[in-house]
């Protein structure tokens, strides 16, 4: 018989702004602030603000950095939902094709990564300047925003793991089990602190991207072995990941993420050996005439 885990099952209530009964047809649901969405939005705002602040400090153009962030975050959020539907819940997509457009209903972290990569490629093609300095600066503060997002997952309990009586397990209804959102949050915190410390000084372009990919890929690969395989009693999220040849979609994507990180690491080391890696980033011509994001030097 399983023992009692130490971590309680804590949920945060929604803050209802307008109840559903005030509407006669649309929207068919109340307008409310959900803890998960609020935490994700806070993480995005704080990380974006500090990314632009660091851009100013290390000599990157604020207008270009702001444009880059907007593209990556916007398309990343869309990609997070689209890939979630395609690879995690394909049957739901078959039953309701319109679910693909319900961007508020489900996000995949690796889907967000893939959406972000697509955004970077589009931004690169549109403005025709090297993207590595902007992407690397954004990655320097990314773990901070990620920690807020995983805090949201930990409060929503939308990543149920295997049954366990470990002290790290959460007291889910129906029995203690690992909460993958919480576990990833605990692993993200030291990564976040390390990145914040390293980001105090300029680093060769590609440093944070390589370090982030190489650090996250094996951690996520290992964590996904703790995911529940079967439906969890009382779970309203339907968050059981499918397996493709015994691995989750995220685990398969971890191979590509690790390979990309190693490629960037080798590229960065070669650049440093040639005395390069700190070149001034090009500013897209279309953005040079725009006003600066902020005139306040904080």
Protein backbone atom coordinates (compact mmCIF):
# COMPACT_ATOMS: atom_id res chain seq x y z
CA UNK A 1 0.00 0.00 0.00
CA UNK A 2 1.29 3.41 -0.93
CA UNK A 3 2.31 5.81 1.79
CA UNK A 4 1.30 9.45 2.06
CA UNK A 5 3.35 11.92 -0.04
CA UNK A 6 4.40 15.16 1.62
CA UNK A 7 3.24 17.62 -1.05
CA UNK A 8 -0.45 18.61 -0.88
CA UNK A 9 -2.66 18.86 -3.95
CA UNK A 10 -3.12 22.63 -4.11
CA UNK A 11 -5.24 24.34 -6.75
CA UNK A 12 -5.86 28.03 -7.32
CA UNK A 13 -9.39 29.21 -8.17
CA UNK A 14 -10.26 31.17 -11.29
CA UNK A 15 -11.11 34.83 -10.90
CA UNK A 16 -14.43 35.24 -12.71
CA UNK A 17 -14.84 38.67 -14.28
CA UNK A 18 -18.11 38.13 -16.13
CA UNK A 19 -20.23 35.02 -15.46
CA UNK A 20 -21.66 33.03 -18.35
CA UNK A 21 -25.30 33.77 -17.50
CA UNK A 22 -24.79 37.42 -18.52
CA UNK A 23 -24.47 36.31 -22.13
CA UNK A 24 -27.31 34.90 -24.22
CA UNK A 25 -25.22 32.92 -26.63
CA UNK A 26 -21.66 34.06 -27.12
CA UNK A 27 -19.30 33.51 -25.46
CA UNK A 28 -20.69 30.24 -24.08
CA UNK A 29 -18.37 30.39 -21.07
CA UNK A 30 -17.55 32.88 -18.33
CA UNK A 31 -14.82 35.43 -18.86
CA UNK A 32 -12.27 34.77 -16.16
CA UNK A 33 -8.61 34.95 -15.26
CA UNK A 34 -7.17 31.47 -14.95
CA UNK A 35 -4.11 30.95 -12.72
CA UNK A 36 -2.23 29.06 -15.43
CA UNK A 37 -2.77 31.77 -18.04
CA UNK A 38 -1.95 34.53 -15.58
CA UNK A 39 1.32 32.89 -14.59
CA UNK A 40 2.32 32.25 -18.21
CA UNK A 41 1.51 35.85 -19.16
CA UNK A 42 3.51 37.14 -16.17
CA UNK A 43 6.49 35.02 -17.17
CA UNK A 44 6.35 36.24 -20.77
CA UNK A 45 6.08 39.88 -19.71
CA UNK A 46 8.89 39.74 -17.14
CA UNK A 47 11.28 37.75 -19.33
CA UNK A 48 10.58 40.03 -22.32
CA UNK A 49 11.17 43.17 -20.25
CA UNK A 50 14.49 41.87 -18.91
CA UNK A 51 15.51 40.61 -22.36
CA UNK A 52 15.10 44.12 -23.82
CA UNK A 53 16.90 45.59 -20.82
CA UNK A 54 19.83 43.22 -21.35
CA UNK A 55 19.77 43.94 -25.10
CA UNK A 56 20.31 47.62 -24.31
CA UNK A 57 23.16 46.73 -21.98
CA UNK A 58 25.07 44.53 -24.43
CA UNK A 59 24.53 46.77 -27.46
CA UNK A 60 21.64 45.11 -29.27
CA UNK A 61 19.04 47.35 -30.91
CA UNK A 62 15.91 47.54 -28.75
CA UNK A 63 13.56 47.89 -31.73
CA UNK A 64 14.93 44.78 -33.40
CA UNK A 65 14.91 42.89 -30.12
CA UNK A 66 11.28 43.83 -29.44
CA UNK A 67 10.24 42.79 -32.94
CA UNK A 68 12.06 39.49 -32.57
CA UNK A 69 10.38 38.76 -29.23
CA UNK A 70 6.92 39.58 -30.60
CA UNK A 71 7.34 37.20 -33.52
CA UNK A 72 8.76 34.35 -31.43
CA UNK A 73 6.22 34.64 -28.61
CA UNK A 74 3.23 35.10 -30.93
CA UNK A 75 3.97 32.24 -33.31
CA UNK A 76 5.35 30.15 -30.45
CA UNK A 77 2.01 30.27 -28.64
CA UNK A 78 0.16 29.33 -31.82
CA UNK A 79 2.59 26.50 -32.49
CA UNK A 80 2.24 25.30 -28.92
CA UNK A 81 -1.47 24.68 -29.47
CA UNK A 82 -1.29 23.41 -33.05
CA UNK A 83 1.38 20.81 -32.32
CA UNK A 84 -0.45 19.85 -29.14
CA UNK A 85 -3.51 18.98 -31.24
CA UNK A 86 -1.56 17.21 -33.99
CA UNK A 87 0.73 15.02 -31.90
CA UNK A 88 -0.93 14.71 -28.50
CA UNK A 89 -4.66 14.72 -29.25
CA UNK A 90 -5.12 13.77 -32.91
CA UNK A 91 -8.45 12.08 -32.16
CA UNK A 92 -9.82 15.30 -30.71
CA UNK A 93 -8.82 17.05 -33.91
CA UNK A 94 -10.61 14.39 -35.98
CA UNK A 95 -13.77 14.74 -33.87
CA UNK A 96 -13.68 18.54 -33.86
CA UNK A 97 -11.47 20.12 -36.58
CA UNK A 98 -12.25 23.56 -35.16
CA UNK A 99 -10.30 22.62 -32.02
CA UNK A 100 -7.19 23.51 -33.99
CA UNK A 101 -8.24 27.16 -33.73
CA UNK A 102 -9.07 27.09 -30.02
CA UNK A 103 -5.69 28.47 -29.03
CA UNK A 104 -6.64 28.73 -25.38
CA UNK A 105 -7.37 25.00 -25.10
CA UNK A 106 -4.08 23.19 -24.60
CA UNK A 107 -0.39 23.99 -25.12
CA UNK A 108 2.59 21.78 -25.80
CA UNK A 109 6.00 23.00 -24.65
CA UNK A 110 7.86 21.45 -27.55
CA UNK A 111 5.14 22.68 -29.87
CA UNK A 112 5.94 26.14 -28.58
CA UNK A 113 9.63 25.53 -29.28
CA UNK A 114 8.85 24.44 -32.83
CA UNK A 115 6.59 27.45 -33.32
CA UNK A 116 9.41 29.64 -32.05
CA UNK A 117 11.84 28.11 -34.55
CA UNK A 118 9.37 28.76 -37.36
CA UNK A 119 9.04 32.37 -36.17
CA UNK A 120 12.82 32.81 -36.18
CA UNK A 121 13.05 31.50 -39.74
CA UNK A 122 10.26 33.84 -40.87
CA UNK A 123 11.86 36.81 -39.10
CA UNK A 124 15.21 35.97 -40.70
CA UNK A 125 13.67 35.76 -44.16
CA UNK A 126 11.67 38.96 -43.69
CA UNK A 127 14.48 41.15 -42.38
CA UNK A 128 17.51 39.37 -43.87
CA UNK A 129 19.87 39.81 -40.94
CA UNK A 130 21.59 37.16 -38.79
CA UNK A 131 19.32 36.08 -35.94
CA UNK A 132 21.79 34.38 -33.60
CA UNK A 133 22.51 37.46 -31.40
CA UNK A 134 18.80 38.14 -30.87
CA UNK A 135 17.92 34.49 -30.28
CA UNK A 136 20.80 34.03 -27.86
CA UNK A 137 19.88 37.12 -25.85
CA UNK A 138 16.28 35.92 -25.64
CA UNK A 139 17.44 32.51 -24.39
CA UNK A 140 19.48 34.16 -21.64
CA UNK A 141 16.24 35.17 -19.86
CA UNK A 142 14.05 32.34 -21.15
CA UNK A 143 14.40 30.10 -18.05
CA UNK A 144 12.91 32.91 -15.95
CA UNK A 145 9.73 32.94 -18.03
CA UNK A 146 9.76 29.14 -18.19
CA UNK A 147 9.76 28.93 -14.39
CA UNK A 148 6.53 30.94 -14.28
CA UNK A 149 5.00 28.68 -16.93
CA UNK A 150 5.90 25.53 -15.04
CA UNK A 151 4.53 27.09 -11.86
CA UNK A 152 1.27 27.34 -13.78
CA UNK A 153 1.51 23.65 -14.69
CA UNK A 154 2.20 22.76 -11.06
CA UNK A 155 -0.92 24.61 -9.89
CA UNK A 156 -3.07 23.15 -12.68
CA UNK A 157 -1.67 19.62 -12.11
CA UNK A 158 -2.03 19.01 -15.85
CA UNK A 159 0.98 16.69 -16.17
CA UNK A 160 0.15 13.72 -13.92
CA UNK A 161 2.94 11.22 -13.41
CA UNK A 162 3.17 7.67 -12.14
CA UNK A 163 1.73 6.62 -8.79
CA UNK A 164 4.30 7.00 -6.04
CA UNK A 165 4.71 7.25 -2.28
CA UNK A 166 7.88 9.33 -2.68
CA UNK A 167 8.16 12.51 -0.61
CA UNK A 168 8.38 14.30 -3.97
CA UNK A 169 4.97 12.99 -5.01
CA UNK A 170 1.79 15.05 -4.81
CA UNK A 171 -1.37 13.96 -3.03
CA UNK A 172 -3.53 13.66 -6.15
CA UNK A 173 -7.16 12.59 -5.69
CA UNK A 174 -7.08 8.81 -5.83
CA UNK A 175 -3.48 8.44 -4.67
CA UNK A 176 -0.07 10.06 -4.54
CA UNK A 177 1.72 10.47 -7.85
CA UNK A 178 4.47 12.52 -9.41
CA UNK A 179 3.50 15.92 -10.78
CA UNK A 180 5.72 16.46 -13.82
CA UNK A 181 5.01 20.19 -13.89
CA UNK A 182 6.25 20.54 -10.32
CA UNK A 183 9.31 18.37 -10.89
CA UNK A 184 10.29 20.38 -13.96
CA UNK A 185 9.80 23.60 -12.01
CA UNK A 186 12.19 22.35 -9.31
CA UNK A 187 14.78 21.56 -11.99
CA UNK A 188 14.21 24.86 -13.81
CA UNK A 189 14.89 27.04 -10.76
CA UNK A 190 18.66 26.31 -10.55
CA UNK A 191 18.89 26.62 -14.35
CA UNK A 192 17.16 30.00 -14.13
CA UNK A 193 19.47 31.22 -11.35
CA UNK A 194 22.53 30.05 -13.28
CA UNK A 195 21.41 31.84 -16.44
CA UNK A 196 20.65 35.05 -14.54
CA UNK A 197 24.14 34.98 -13.05
CA UNK A 198 25.80 34.25 -16.41
CA UNK A 199 23.72 36.91 -18.18
CA UNK A 200 25.33 39.68 -16.14
CA UNK A 201 28.13 39.79 -18.72
CA UNK A 202 28.19 39.51 -22.53
CA UNK A 203 28.78 35.98 -23.78
CA UNK A 204 29.70 34.71 -27.25
CA UNK A 205 26.66 34.49 -29.51
CA UNK A 206 25.18 31.02 -29.20
CA UNK A 207 26.34 30.50 -25.62
CA UNK A 208 22.91 30.53 -23.98
CA UNK A 209 21.18 28.71 -26.82
CA UNK A 210 23.70 25.88 -26.68
CA UNK A 211 23.64 25.69 -22.89
CA UNK A 212 19.85 25.77 -22.76
CA UNK A 213 19.38 23.01 -25.33
CA UNK A 214 22.08 20.76 -23.85
CA UNK A 215 20.73 21.24 -20.32
CA UNK A 216 17.03 20.84 -21.02
CA UNK A 217 17.00 17.93 -23.47
CA UNK A 218 18.31 15.18 -21.14
CA UNK A 219 16.27 16.47 -18.19
CA UNK A 220 13.03 16.43 -20.15
CA UNK A 221 13.87 13.06 -21.72
CA UNK A 222 14.34 11.51 -18.27
CA UNK A 223 11.28 13.18 -16.73
CA UNK A 224 8.94 11.87 -19.40
CA UNK A 225 9.60 8.30 -18.27
CA UNK A 226 7.68 9.27 -15.11
CA UNK A 227 4.54 10.23 -17.07
CA UNK A 228 1.38 8.23 -16.48
CA UNK A 229 0.41 5.87 -19.30
CA UNK A 230 -3.26 5.48 -18.42
CA UNK A 231 -6.16 7.78 -17.63
CA UNK A 232 -5.96 9.39 -14.20
CA UNK A 233 -9.18 9.17 -12.13
CA UNK A 234 -10.71 12.61 -11.74
CA UNK A 235 -8.32 14.23 -14.24
CA UNK A 236 -10.17 16.87 -16.24
CA UNK A 237 -7.25 17.77 -18.49
CA UNK A 238 -6.91 14.57 -20.47
CA UNK A 239 -3.17 15.11 -20.30
CA UNK A 240 -1.94 11.55 -20.89
CA UNK A 241 0.77 11.72 -23.53
CA UNK A 242 0.64 9.25 -26.42
CA UNK A 243 3.66 7.04 -27.09
CA UNK A 244 5.30 6.59 -30.47
CA UNK A 245 7.55 3.53 -30.38
CA UNK A 246 7.58 3.68 -26.56
CA UNK A 247 8.59 7.35 -26.33
CA UNK A 248 6.51 10.50 -25.93
CA UNK A 249 6.59 13.16 -28.67
CA UNK A 250 8.71 15.36 -26.41
CA UNK A 251 11.25 12.58 -25.92
CA UNK A 252 11.69 12.18 -29.66
CA UNK A 253 12.13 15.91 -30.02
CA UNK A 254 14.76 15.87 -27.29
CA UNK A 255 17.13 14.10 -29.69
CA UNK A 256 16.89 16.99 -32.13
CA UNK A 257 17.16 19.56 -29.36
CA UNK A 258 20.33 17.99 -27.98
CA UNK A 259 21.89 17.68 -31.45
CA UNK A 260 21.11 21.33 -32.14
CA UNK A 261 22.67 22.37 -28.83
CA UNK A 262 25.85 20.41 -29.54
CA UNK A 263 26.04 21.94 -33.02
CA UNK A 264 25.71 25.44 -31.58
CA UNK A 265 28.32 24.69 -28.92
CA UNK A 266 30.85 23.55 -31.52
CA UNK A 267 30.04 26.54 -33.71
CA UNK A 268 30.51 28.93 -30.79
CA UNK A 269 33.80 27.36 -29.72
CA UNK A 270 35.13 27.58 -33.27
CA UNK A 271 34.12 31.25 -33.45
CA UNK A 272 35.83 32.03 -30.15
CA UNK A 273 38.99 30.22 -31.31
CA UNK A 274 39.04 32.53 -34.35
CA UNK A 275 38.65 35.56 -32.08
CA UNK A 276 35.01 36.05 -33.08
CA UNK A 277 31.64 35.55 -31.43
CA UNK A 278 30.96 39.10 -30.21
CA UNK A 279 30.21 40.78 -33.56
CA UNK A 280 27.80 43.69 -33.51
CA UNK A 281 24.35 42.52 -34.52
CA UNK A 282 22.86 43.92 -37.71
CA UNK A 283 19.69 45.99 -37.42
CA UNK A 284 16.99 45.42 -40.06
CA UNK A 285 16.65 48.47 -42.33
CA UNK A 286 12.85 48.48 -41.87
CA UNK A 287 13.24 48.87 -38.09
CA UNK A 288 15.87 51.61 -37.98
CA UNK A 289 13.40 54.44 -38.38
CA UNK A 290 11.10 53.24 -35.59
CA UNK A 291 11.24 55.00 -32.20
CA UNK A 292 13.14 53.27 -29.43
CA UNK A 293 11.17 51.01 -27.09
CA UNK A 294 11.99 53.13 -24.08
CA UNK A 295 14.11 56.20 -23.45
CA UNK A 296 14.48 55.32 -19.79
CA UNK A 297 17.81 53.70 -19.07
CA UNK A 298 16.93 51.24 -16.32
